[in-house]
Amino acid sequence: MIEFYSVKQSKAIDALAMNEHAIPGLLLMKRAGLFTYETLLNHYPKTKKLLILCGTGNNGGDGFVVAQLAMMAGIQTDVFLYGQISHIKNDALLAYQEFVQMGGEIIHLNPDELHKYDVIIDALFGIGMDKKRPIKSKLADWIDLINQQACPVIAVDIPSGLDANTGQIHGCAIKAERTCTFITHKPGLYQFNGQDTAGKIHYSALFLNDDILHSHPSIAHNHPLKHWLQQLPNRSSISHKGSTGQIGLVGGDQHMMGAVQMAGLAALKVGAGLVKVITHPEHGIALTQALPELMCYSPAELQAQLKQVDVIGIGPGLGLNEWGKNLFHQSMQLPQPKVVDADALTLLATNPETHSNWILTPHPGEAARLLNTTTDTVQNNRIKAIKAIQKKYGGVVVLKGNATLVYDGERLEMCLAGNPGMATGGMGDVLTGAISGLIAQGIPLFEAACLGVSLHAHAGDIIAQQKGQLGLLPTELAATLSQLLTYANR
């Protein structure tokens, strides 16, 4: 399990280690520098010429430690300082003084020389960057030049310019191939622009004990798939289709029949016993020909058929015309737990309701409609957005995207699986069906949402590993879900 901490919490944990546990700040700085240096050696062992970009704060102090170690190893090391030497204080000043005592000097950065470096170390700002002062002007030009270089960049704690809480970029940011982060896992390394900016994450607790590391309640967790698979109920030998969950799926307007078909396929693949689809009468034959296991009914039969199901999934291909609106309002009157997605979320945004027994699964655009704001606002602080949606609408919220979030008002789960190849129409329909199928089997809403999201993301990764990310189809992903369920018994 991974626990995530905010910048404020990270600073408090750092201070606790130094003030209450008497661990010298310079020692932590040297441990951070050593971990970064070891990462350099492990992944770029042929490095002969190194550029280290240092700021005047503790992040820069880490950079001066890396410089010392590299110089002792005989690596040609150039250090550029952004800011005045007189502004370097405390432990960072000690690290700088040691660097100078070893013969180190601060260089003037020549843009024409950047291509000569094998690796660049980014130790400019770290997590303490003031987001009210975004990177601009000359430094922004330097960062743009650095990002154009072919050589890899290792960021110290977090790429400079990236918000450690949100993944938002303030002005511009160093684009790292690897990031060495310390003591805490920062959510901004994974949310929004975090993954593209930070690259591969290397974490070190800097040898701090659990009493220090877990002295504050984390803001979010990431559990492995196997943890969520343990939520699956054991089936007895007398199980039958009626006892393994009945689902009602509502959607599939004209030209969007495939959406509800993919949701039905996913529901069956995660183990649901019966899947009933409420859709256009003329879609019934085509749907059952494509997937004979589906039971298709016309809208006139909605009330009679959905009274018998354990969960209702509404939204895939629902549409926003009168046909879809009518099915939406009828479905909302029924008491069963619901998974609300796609067009159903847009309809909900126009007539907000609050319920405890539903799961809302918006992508950022739908989340913006639910909050009457912009997609950029949602993406700039996804954790704030998901909490606002849950407060307004209740239940469990799944905010889709890279590092999908799941929140029930108390628990916040972040899924780190998944890949850009999943950015294909129909992926959300598969997720709706999968979560609905898990709820139908008796799994509580939050756990069903987390398991569904994790299964969905890992299935996407499996297909991407086998066939590549381009051309990854939702139907392929749905078919892979059942393979992952076998891990529950291992």
Protein backbone atom coordinates (compact mmCIF):
# COMPACT_ATOMS: atom_id res chain seq x y z
CA MET A 1 0.00 0.00 0.00
CA ILE A 2 1.12 3.54 -0.79
CA GLU A 3 0.03 6.50 1.33
CA PHE A 4 -0.02 10.05 -0.04
CA TYR A 5 0.65 13.22 1.90
CA SER A 6 0.15 16.90 1.11
CA VAL A 7 2.97 19.43 0.99
CA LYS A 8 1.93 20.77 4.39
CA GLN A 9 1.97 17.28 5.89
CA SER A 10 5.29 16.45 4.22
CA LYS A 11 6.90 19.51 5.74
CA ALA A 12 5.43 18.66 9.14
CA ILE A 13 6.80 15.11 8.98
CA ASP A 14 10.18 16.46 7.95
CA ALA A 15 10.14 18.89 10.89
CA LEU A 16 9.07 16.13 13.27
CA ALA A 17 12.07 14.03 12.28
CA MET A 18 14.45 16.89 12.96
CA ASN A 19 12.88 18.53 16.00
CA GLU A 20 11.38 15.68 18.02
CA HIS A 21 13.55 12.78 16.88
CA ALA A 22 16.76 14.81 16.74
CA ILE A 23 17.71 13.73 13.22
CA PRO A 24 19.96 16.45 11.77
CA GLY A 25 18.59 18.15 8.69
CA LEU A 26 21.99 17.91 7.04
CA LEU A 27 21.91 14.14 7.52
CA LEU A 28 18.53 13.92 5.76
CA MET A 29 19.91 16.14 2.99
CA LYS A 30 22.90 13.85 2.54
CA ARG A 31 20.68 10.78 2.47
CA ALA A 32 18.52 12.41 -0.22
CA GLY A 33 21.60 13.37 -2.22
CA LEU A 34 23.04 9.87 -1.90
CA PHE A 35 19.79 8.25 -3.05
CA THR A 36 19.69 10.56 -6.07
CA TYR A 37 23.32 9.83 -6.87
CA GLU A 38 22.74 6.08 -6.58
CA THR A 39 19.78 6.41 -8.97
CA LEU A 40 22.08 8.20 -11.39
CA LEU A 41 24.66 5.41 -11.19
CA ASN A 42 22.08 2.62 -11.46
CA HIS A 43 20.34 3.96 -14.54
CA TYR A 44 22.98 6.06 -16.27
CA PRO A 45 26.27 4.34 -15.35
CA LYS A 46 28.13 5.79 -18.33
CA THR A 47 27.65 9.37 -17.18
CA LYS A 48 30.85 11.36 -17.67
CA LYS A 49 29.59 14.93 -17.72
CA LEU A 50 26.88 16.06 -15.30
CA LEU A 51 24.96 19.32 -14.93
CA ILE A 52 23.25 20.06 -11.63
CA LEU A 53 20.74 22.91 -11.39
CA CYS A 54 20.49 24.16 -7.81
CA GLY A 55 18.19 26.61 -6.09
CA THR A 56 18.94 28.41 -2.84
CA GLY A 57 16.69 26.24 -0.65
CA ASN A 58 16.94 22.71 0.71
CA ASN A 59 16.28 21.22 -2.72
CA GLY A 60 19.40 22.97 -3.90
CA GLY A 61 21.20 21.60 -0.85
CA ASP A 62 20.34 18.09 -2.03
CA GLY A 63 21.85 19.05 -5.38
CA PHE A 64 25.10 20.19 -3.76
CA VAL A 65 25.35 16.79 -2.04
CA VAL A 66 24.91 15.03 -5.39
CA ALA A 67 27.64 17.27 -6.80
CA GLN A 68 30.06 16.27 -4.03
CA LEU A 69 29.48 12.56 -4.61
CA ALA A 70 29.81 12.88 -8.37
CA MET A 71 33.04 14.88 -8.07
CA MET A 72 34.53 12.26 -5.74
CA ALA A 73 33.71 9.61 -8.34
CA GLY A 74 35.58 11.54 -11.02
CA ILE A 75 32.50 12.66 -12.97
CA GLN A 76 32.93 16.09 -14.54
CA THR A 77 30.30 18.05 -12.62
CA ASP A 78 29.02 21.55 -13.39
CA VAL A 79 26.71 23.30 -10.93
CA PHE A 80 24.46 26.20 -11.88
CA LEU A 81 22.85 28.26 -9.08
CA TYR A 82 19.57 30.03 -9.65
CA GLY A 83 19.66 32.87 -7.14
CA GLN A 84 22.24 34.57 -5.00
CA ILE A 85 24.77 32.69 -2.88
CA SER A 86 23.86 35.02 0.00
CA HIS A 87 20.33 33.57 -0.05
CA ILE A 88 21.49 30.02 0.74
CA LYS A 89 20.76 29.31 4.42
CA ASN A 90 21.00 26.65 7.11
CA ASP A 91 21.65 23.04 6.01
CA ALA A 92 21.74 24.01 2.34
CA LEU A 93 24.51 26.50 3.15
CA LEU A 94 26.51 23.77 4.89
CA ALA A 95 26.14 21.53 1.83
CA TYR A 96 27.21 24.40 -0.42
CA GLN A 97 30.25 25.15 1.76
CA GLU A 98 31.32 21.49 1.63
CA PHE A 99 30.95 21.59 -2.15
CA VAL A 100 33.20 24.66 -2.34
CA GLN A 101 35.74 23.11 0.04
CA MET A 102 36.05 20.20 -2.40
CA GLY A 103 36.95 22.65 -5.15
CA GLY A 104 33.47 23.05 -6.60
CA GLU A 105 32.51 26.26 -8.38
CA ILE A 106 29.28 27.76 -9.63
CA ILE A 107 29.23 28.09 -13.42
CA HIS A 108 27.52 30.49 -15.81
CA LEU A 109 25.15 28.40 -17.89
CA ASN A 110 25.82 28.49 -21.62
CA PRO A 111 22.84 27.37 -23.73
CA ASP A 112 25.17 26.25 -26.48
CA GLU A 113 26.82 23.79 -24.06
CA LEU A 114 23.68 22.01 -22.84
CA HIS A 115 23.91 19.27 -25.45
CA LYS A 116 27.29 18.18 -24.08
CA TYR A 117 25.90 16.87 -20.79
CA ASP A 118 25.05 13.19 -20.31
CA VAL A 119 22.54 13.82 -17.50
CA ILE A 120 20.97 16.89 -15.89
CA ILE A 121 19.92 16.96 -12.23
CA ASP A 122 17.02 19.29 -11.36
CA ALA A 123 17.38 20.58 -7.77
CA LEU A 124 15.91 24.04 -8.29
CA PHE A 125 12.74 24.32 -6.19
CA GLY A 126 11.31 21.10 -4.75
CA ILE A 127 7.91 20.92 -3.03
CA GLY A 128 8.26 24.34 -1.40
CA MET A 129 7.80 26.31 -4.61
CA ASP A 130 5.44 29.26 -4.22
CA LYS A 131 2.58 28.61 -6.64
CA LYS A 132 1.71 32.32 -6.49
CA ARG A 133 5.01 33.00 -8.26
CA PRO A 134 4.94 30.82 -11.39
CA ILE A 135 8.11 30.23 -13.36
CA LYS A 136 8.42 32.79 -16.12
CA SER A 137 10.76 35.05 -18.09
CA LYS A 138 14.42 34.01 -18.28
CA LEU A 139 14.14 30.89 -16.11
CA ALA A 140 11.20 29.69 -18.19
CA ASP A 141 13.36 30.09 -21.29
CA TRP A 142 16.12 28.04 -19.65
CA ILE A 143 13.70 25.28 -18.70
CA ASP A 144 12.31 25.21 -22.23
CA LEU A 145 15.85 24.75 -23.56
CA ILE A 146 16.58 22.00 -21.05
CA ASN A 147 13.38 20.17 -22.00
CA GLN A 148 14.51 20.18 -25.62
CA GLN A 149 17.76 18.35 -24.83
CA ALA A 150 18.18 14.67 -25.62
CA CYS A 151 19.89 13.88 -22.33
CA PRO A 152 17.78 12.52 -19.44
CA VAL A 153 16.82 14.66 -16.45
CA ILE A 154 16.57 13.43 -12.86
CA ALA A 155 14.39 15.63 -10.64
CA VAL A 156 15.12 15.86 -6.92
CA ASP A 157 11.92 15.30 -4.86
CA ILE A 158 9.68 16.80 -7.58
CA PRO A 159 10.26 18.42 -10.98
CA SER A 160 10.64 22.16 -10.58
CA GLY A 161 7.43 23.93 -11.54
CA LEU A 162 5.14 20.98 -10.77
CA ASP A 163 2.66 21.37 -7.91
CA ALA A 164 3.26 18.54 -5.43
CA ASN A 165 -0.37 18.60 -4.29
CA THR A 166 -2.22 18.76 -7.58
CA GLY A 167 0.05 18.01 -10.54
CA GLN A 168 -0.65 21.45 -11.95
CA ILE A 169 2.24 23.19 -13.74
CA HIS A 170 2.96 26.70 -12.52
CA GLY A 171 4.18 28.59 -15.55
CA CYS A 172 6.40 25.80 -16.87
CA ALA A 173 8.16 22.76 -15.44
CA ILE A 174 11.24 20.64 -15.90
CA LYS A 175 10.29 17.43 -17.71
CA ALA A 176 12.13 14.63 -15.96
CA GLU A 177 12.78 11.09 -17.06
CA ARG A 178 13.05 10.05 -13.41
CA THR A 179 12.15 11.67 -10.11
CA CYS A 180 13.72 10.77 -6.77
CA THR A 181 11.20 11.63 -4.06
CA PHE A 182 11.75 11.38 -0.33
CA ILE A 183 9.96 10.63 2.97
CA THR A 184 6.42 10.97 1.57
CA HIS A 185 4.60 10.17 -1.65
CA LYS A 186 3.21 13.39 -3.12
CA PRO A 187 -0.11 13.19 -4.99
CA GLY A 188 1.01 15.75 -7.56
CA LEU A 189 3.54 13.29 -8.95
CA TYR A 190 0.64 11.19 -10.23
CA GLN A 191 -2.29 13.58 -10.76
CA PHE A 192 -2.93 15.68 -13.90
CA ASN A 193 0.46 16.59 -15.44
CA GLY A 194 2.42 14.71 -12.80
CA GLN A 195 3.06 11.45 -14.63
CA ASP A 196 4.20 13.11 -17.86
CA THR A 197 6.40 15.57 -15.96
CA ALA A 198 7.94 13.34 -13.29
CA GLY A 199 8.59 10.20 -15.33
CA LYS A 200 9.57 7.09 -13.37
CA ILE A 201 9.24 7.60 -9.61
CA HIS A 202 12.00 6.39 -7.25
CA TYR A 203 11.06 6.64 -3.57
CA SER A 204 13.19 6.59 -0.43
CA ALA A 205 12.03 6.96 3.18
CA LEU A 206 15.57 8.17 4.00
CA PHE A 207 15.76 5.52 6.73
CA LEU A 208 13.06 7.16 8.87
CA ASN A 209 10.98 4.81 11.02
CA ASP A 210 7.24 4.24 10.72
CA ASP A 211 6.48 6.36 13.79
CA ILE A 212 7.76 9.37 11.88
CA LEU A 213 6.55 8.43 8.41
CA HIS A 214 2.98 7.74 9.57
CA SER A 215 2.72 10.43 12.22
CA HIS A 216 0.01 12.21 10.20
CA PRO A 217 -3.13 10.77 8.58
CA SER A 218 -2.59 10.39 4.86
CA ILE A 219 -4.87 12.17 2.39
CA ALA A 220 -5.13 9.18 0.02
CA HIS A 221 -4.11 5.56 -0.44
CA ASN A 222 -3.21 3.22 -3.24
CA HIS A 223 -3.87 -0.48 -2.60
CA PRO A 224 -2.71 -3.26 -4.92
CA LEU A 225 -5.25 -5.12 -7.05
CA LYS A 226 -4.98 -8.21 -4.88
CA HIS A 227 -6.24 -6.22 -1.88
CA TRP A 228 -9.44 -5.31 -3.71
CA LEU A 229 -9.85 -8.80 -5.14
CA GLN A 230 -10.27 -10.02 -1.58
CA GLN A 231 -13.64 -8.25 -1.59
CA LEU A 232 -15.03 -10.84 -4.01
CA PRO A 233 -17.44 -13.20 -2.22
CA ASN A 234 -16.76 -16.91 -2.25
CA ARG A 235 -19.33 -18.83 -4.27
CA SER A 236 -20.90 -21.90 -2.80
CA SER A 237 -21.51 -25.06 -4.79
CA ILE A 238 -25.23 -24.27 -4.91
CA SER A 239 -24.79 -20.84 -6.51
CA HIS A 240 -27.06 -20.09 -9.46
CA LYS A 241 -27.70 -17.18 -11.83
CA GLY A 242 -30.23 -15.68 -9.47
CA SER A 243 -27.87 -15.68 -6.52
CA THR A 244 -24.84 -14.17 -8.28
CA GLY A 245 -26.36 -10.80 -9.04
CA GLN A 246 -28.91 -9.31 -11.40
CA ILE A 247 -28.15 -6.06 -13.22
CA GLY A 248 -30.29 -3.60 -15.10
CA LEU A 249 -28.48 -1.50 -17.71
CA VAL A 250 -30.28 1.50 -19.17
CA GLY A 251 -29.08 3.17 -22.37
CA GLY A 252 -28.20 2.59 -25.99
CA ASP A 253 -30.00 5.33 -27.88
CA GLN A 254 -29.86 5.50 -31.66
CA HIS A 255 -26.27 5.24 -32.97
CA MET A 256 -25.03 4.31 -29.46
CA MET A 257 -26.16 0.73 -29.05
CA GLY A 258 -22.58 -0.44 -28.69
CA ALA A 259 -22.13 1.48 -25.42
CA VAL A 260 -24.70 -0.52 -23.50
CA GLN A 261 -23.47 -3.74 -25.16
CA MET A 262 -19.94 -3.12 -23.86
CA ALA A 263 -21.29 -2.38 -20.39
CA GLY A 264 -23.20 -5.66 -20.48
CA LEU A 265 -20.15 -7.61 -21.60
CA ALA A 266 -18.09 -6.17 -18.73
CA ALA A 267 -20.80 -6.97 -16.18
CA LEU A 268 -20.85 -10.58 -17.30
CA LYS A 269 -17.06 -10.82 -17.34
CA VAL A 270 -16.80 -9.80 -13.68
CA GLY A 271 -19.25 -12.52 -12.69
CA ALA A 272 -22.77 -11.11 -12.72
CA GLY A 273 -25.48 -13.77 -13.04
CA LEU A 274 -28.03 -11.93 -15.19
CA VAL A 275 -27.84 -8.72 -17.21
CA LYS A 276 -31.01 -7.02 -18.37
CA VAL A 277 -30.77 -4.20 -20.88
CA ILE A 278 -33.43 -1.54 -21.31
CA THR A 279 -33.00 -0.06 -24.78
CA HIS A 280 -34.77 0.56 -28.08
CA PRO A 281 -36.92 -2.43 -29.16
CA GLU A 282 -35.16 -2.54 -32.54
CA HIS A 283 -31.80 -2.98 -30.78
CA GLY A 284 -32.81 -6.17 -29.03
CA ILE A 285 -32.12 -8.60 -31.87
CA ALA A 286 -28.76 -7.05 -32.74
CA LEU A 287 -27.64 -7.02 -29.11
CA THR A 288 -28.56 -10.62 -28.43
CA GLN A 289 -26.95 -11.71 -31.69
CA ALA A 290 -23.74 -10.00 -30.66
CA LEU A 291 -23.94 -11.14 -27.04
CA PRO A 292 -26.58 -13.86 -26.51
CA GLU A 293 -26.18 -13.70 -22.74
CA LEU A 294 -27.90 -10.30 -22.60
CA MET A 295 -31.64 -10.06 -21.92
CA CYS A 296 -33.10 -7.10 -23.81
CA TYR A 297 -36.33 -5.21 -23.02
CA SER A 298 -38.08 -2.14 -24.33
CA PRO A 299 -38.51 1.06 -22.27
CA ALA A 300 -42.14 0.14 -21.68
CA GLU A 301 -40.91 -2.78 -19.57
CA LEU A 302 -38.46 -0.75 -17.47
CA GLN A 303 -40.47 -0.62 -14.25
CA ALA A 304 -41.45 -4.29 -14.34
CA GLN A 305 -37.99 -5.62 -15.17
CA LEU A 306 -35.82 -3.34 -13.04
CA LYS A 307 -37.82 -3.95 -9.89
CA GLN A 308 -36.15 -7.37 -9.80
CA VAL A 309 -32.51 -6.34 -10.25
CA ASP A 310 -29.87 -5.73 -7.57
CA VAL A 311 -28.28 -2.69 -9.19
CA ILE A 312 -28.98 -0.29 -12.04
CA GLY A 313 -26.27 1.01 -14.36
CA ILE A 314 -27.47 4.02 -16.30
CA GLY A 315 -25.79 6.23 -18.85
CA PRO A 316 -23.96 4.23 -21.55
CA GLY A 317 -25.31 5.56 -24.84
CA LEU A 318 -28.34 7.07 -23.07
CA GLY A 319 -28.38 10.29 -25.07
CA LEU A 320 -29.79 13.66 -24.05
CA ASN A 321 -33.05 13.75 -25.99
CA GLU A 322 -36.50 13.04 -24.60
CA TRP A 323 -36.04 9.27 -24.89
CA GLY A 324 -32.97 9.37 -22.66
CA LYS A 325 -34.46 11.89 -20.24
CA ASN A 326 -37.55 9.74 -19.76
CA LEU A 327 -35.50 6.62 -19.00
CA PHE A 328 -33.28 8.61 -16.65
CA HIS A 329 -36.16 9.94 -14.57
CA GLN A 330 -37.88 6.55 -14.42
CA SER A 331 -34.68 4.86 -13.28
CA MET A 332 -33.98 7.48 -10.63
CA GLN A 333 -37.32 6.69 -8.98
CA LEU A 334 -36.31 3.09 -8.31
CA PRO A 335 -34.68 2.28 -4.93
CA GLN A 336 -31.77 0.07 -6.02
CA PRO A 337 -28.17 1.27 -5.85
CA LYS A 338 -27.02 2.83 -9.10
CA VAL A 339 -23.94 3.42 -11.17
CA VAL A 340 -24.43 6.72 -12.99
CA ASP A 341 -22.26 7.53 -15.98
CA ALA A 342 -21.99 9.40 -19.28
CA ASP A 343 -25.17 11.16 -20.43
CA ALA A 344 -26.91 10.31 -17.16
CA LEU A 345 -24.36 12.51 -15.39
CA THR A 346 -25.11 15.40 -17.73
CA LEU A 347 -28.82 14.99 -16.98
CA LEU A 348 -28.06 14.83 -13.28
CA ALA A 349 -26.09 18.07 -13.50
CA THR A 350 -29.19 19.87 -14.79
CA ASN A 351 -31.31 18.54 -11.90
CA PRO A 352 -28.93 17.82 -8.98
CA GLU A 353 -29.94 15.23 -6.43
CA THR A 354 -28.16 13.81 -3.40
CA HIS A 355 -28.15 10.08 -2.63
CA SER A 356 -26.00 7.78 -0.55
CA ASN A 357 -26.57 4.60 -2.57
CA TRP A 358 -25.03 5.45 -5.90
CA ILE A 359 -21.68 5.68 -7.63
CA LEU A 360 -21.03 8.57 -9.99
CA THR A 361 -18.27 7.97 -12.55
CA PRO A 362 -17.48 11.26 -14.32
CA HIS A 363 -14.56 12.02 -16.58
CA PRO A 364 -13.14 15.56 -16.10
CA GLY A 365 -15.59 17.15 -18.55
CA GLU A 366 -18.59 15.55 -16.84
CA ALA A 367 -17.15 16.49 -13.46
CA ALA A 368 -17.01 20.09 -14.63
CA ARG A 369 -20.69 19.97 -15.58
CA LEU A 370 -21.60 18.47 -12.20
CA LEU A 371 -19.82 21.36 -10.48
CA ASN A 372 -20.83 24.04 -12.99
CA THR A 373 -17.19 24.89 -13.63
CA THR A 374 -14.55 24.25 -16.28
CA THR A 375 -12.59 21.13 -17.13
CA ASP A 376 -9.34 23.01 -16.47
CA THR A 377 -10.53 23.88 -12.97
CA VAL A 378 -11.27 20.22 -12.27
CA GLN A 379 -7.94 19.02 -13.63
CA ASN A 380 -5.94 21.70 -11.81
CA ASN A 381 -7.06 20.22 -8.50
CA ARG A 382 -8.65 16.81 -8.99
CA ILE A 383 -8.71 15.97 -5.29
CA LYS A 384 -10.56 19.18 -4.48
CA ALA A 385 -12.97 18.49 -7.35
CA ILE A 386 -13.87 14.93 -6.34
CA LYS A 387 -14.51 16.06 -2.77
CA ALA A 388 -16.77 18.84 -4.02
CA ILE A 389 -18.77 16.41 -6.19
CA GLN A 390 -19.21 13.98 -3.31
CA LYS A 391 -20.32 16.74 -0.96
CA LYS A 392 -22.89 17.98 -3.49
CA TYR A 393 -24.24 14.64 -4.73
CA GLY A 394 -23.37 12.11 -2.00
CA GLY A 395 -22.53 8.45 -2.46
CA VAL A 396 -19.24 7.36 -4.01
CA VAL A 397 -17.51 9.31 -6.76
CA VAL A 398 -15.04 7.96 -9.32
CA LEU A 399 -13.13 10.78 -11.03
CA LYS A 400 -11.66 9.14 -14.11
CA GLY A 401 -8.38 10.05 -15.76
CA ASN A 402 -4.73 9.27 -15.17
CA ALA A 403 -4.48 8.13 -11.54
CA THR A 404 -8.26 7.74 -11.23
CA LEU A 405 -9.64 8.78 -7.83
CA VAL A 406 -12.37 7.10 -5.78
CA TYR A 407 -13.93 8.95 -2.81
CA ASP A 408 -16.81 8.19 -0.46
CA GLY A 409 -16.65 11.21 1.84
CA GLU A 410 -13.99 9.68 4.08
CA ARG A 411 -11.72 7.39 2.10
CA LEU A 412 -9.77 8.51 -0.97
CA GLU A 413 -8.19 5.85 -3.19
CA MET A 414 -5.82 6.62 -6.06
CA CYS A 415 -5.32 4.04 -8.80
CA LEU A 416 -1.84 4.12 -10.31
CA ALA A 417 -2.46 1.51 -13.02
CA GLY A 418 -3.71 2.28 -16.52
CA ASN A 419 -2.17 3.89 -19.60
CA PRO A 420 -2.89 6.50 -22.31
CA GLY A 421 -3.97 3.78 -24.74
CA MET A 422 -7.20 3.59 -22.76
CA ALA A 423 -8.23 7.02 -24.07
CA THR A 424 -10.77 5.43 -26.40
CA GLY A 425 -14.53 5.80 -26.66
CA GLY A 426 -16.26 2.99 -24.78
CA MET A 427 -13.76 2.57 -21.93
CA GLY A 428 -16.12 4.32 -19.53
CA ASP A 429 -18.99 2.04 -20.56
CA VAL A 430 -16.86 -1.00 -19.71
CA LEU A 431 -16.08 0.50 -16.30
CA THR A 432 -19.78 1.15 -15.64
CA GLY A 433 -20.63 -2.46 -16.42
CA ALA A 434 -17.78 -3.83 -14.33
CA ILE A 435 -18.67 -1.80 -11.24
CA SER A 436 -22.35 -2.66 -11.64
CA GLY A 437 -21.50 -6.35 -11.88
CA LEU A 438 -19.46 -6.20 -8.67
CA ILE A 439 -22.18 -4.39 -6.72
CA ALA A 440 -24.70 -7.01 -7.89
CA GLN A 441 -22.56 -9.68 -6.23
CA GLY A 442 -22.91 -7.99 -2.87
CA ILE A 443 -19.72 -5.91 -2.70
CA PRO A 444 -20.21 -2.54 -0.90
CA LEU A 445 -20.20 0.55 -3.09
CA PHE A 446 -16.77 1.97 -2.24
CA GLU A 447 -15.06 -1.40 -2.45
CA ALA A 448 -16.88 -2.23 -5.70
CA ALA A 449 -15.79 1.09 -7.20
CA CYS A 450 -12.16 0.56 -6.16
CA LEU A 451 -12.11 -3.03 -7.40
CA GLY A 452 -13.78 -2.08 -10.68
CA VAL A 453 -11.36 0.78 -11.30
CA SER A 454 -8.34 -1.38 -10.45
CA LEU A 455 -9.49 -4.30 -12.60
CA HIS A 456 -10.23 -1.96 -15.49
CA ALA A 457 -6.84 -0.23 -15.30
CA HIS A 458 -4.81 -3.41 -14.91
CA ALA A 459 -6.67 -5.04 -17.79
CA GLY A 460 -5.70 -2.08 -19.94
CA ASP A 461 -2.07 -2.49 -18.93
CA ILE A 462 -2.09 -6.19 -19.76
CA ILE A 463 -3.39 -5.55 -23.27
CA ALA A 464 -0.93 -2.68 -23.78
CA GLN A 465 1.96 -4.95 -22.80
CA GLN A 466 0.78 -7.61 -25.25
CA LYS A 467 -0.23 -5.47 -28.22
CA GLY A 468 0.88 -1.91 -27.52
CA GLN A 469 -1.21 1.08 -26.48
CA LEU A 470 -2.38 2.21 -29.90
CA GLY A 471 -5.55 0.48 -30.99
CA LEU A 472 -6.45 -0.79 -27.52
CA LEU A 473 -10.16 -1.66 -27.74
CA PRO A 474 -12.69 -1.50 -24.90
CA THR A 475 -14.10 -4.90 -25.89
CA GLU A 476 -10.62 -6.42 -25.57
CA LEU A 477 -10.32 -4.89 -22.13
CA ALA A 478 -13.70 -6.20 -21.05
CA ALA A 479 -12.75 -9.70 -22.16
CA THR A 480 -9.59 -9.49 -20.05
CA LEU A 481 -11.40 -8.70 -16.79
CA SER A 482 -12.26 -12.33 -16.05
CA GLN A 483 -8.59 -13.32 -16.36
CA LEU A 484 -7.66 -10.92 -13.59
CA LEU A 485 -10.33 -12.32 -11.27
CA THR A 486 -8.36 -15.55 -11.05
CA TYR A 487 -5.78 -13.74 -8.93
CA ALA A 488 -8.32 -13.57 -6.10
CA ASN A 489 -7.57 -17.19 -5.19
CA ARG A 490 -3.78 -17.02 -5.43
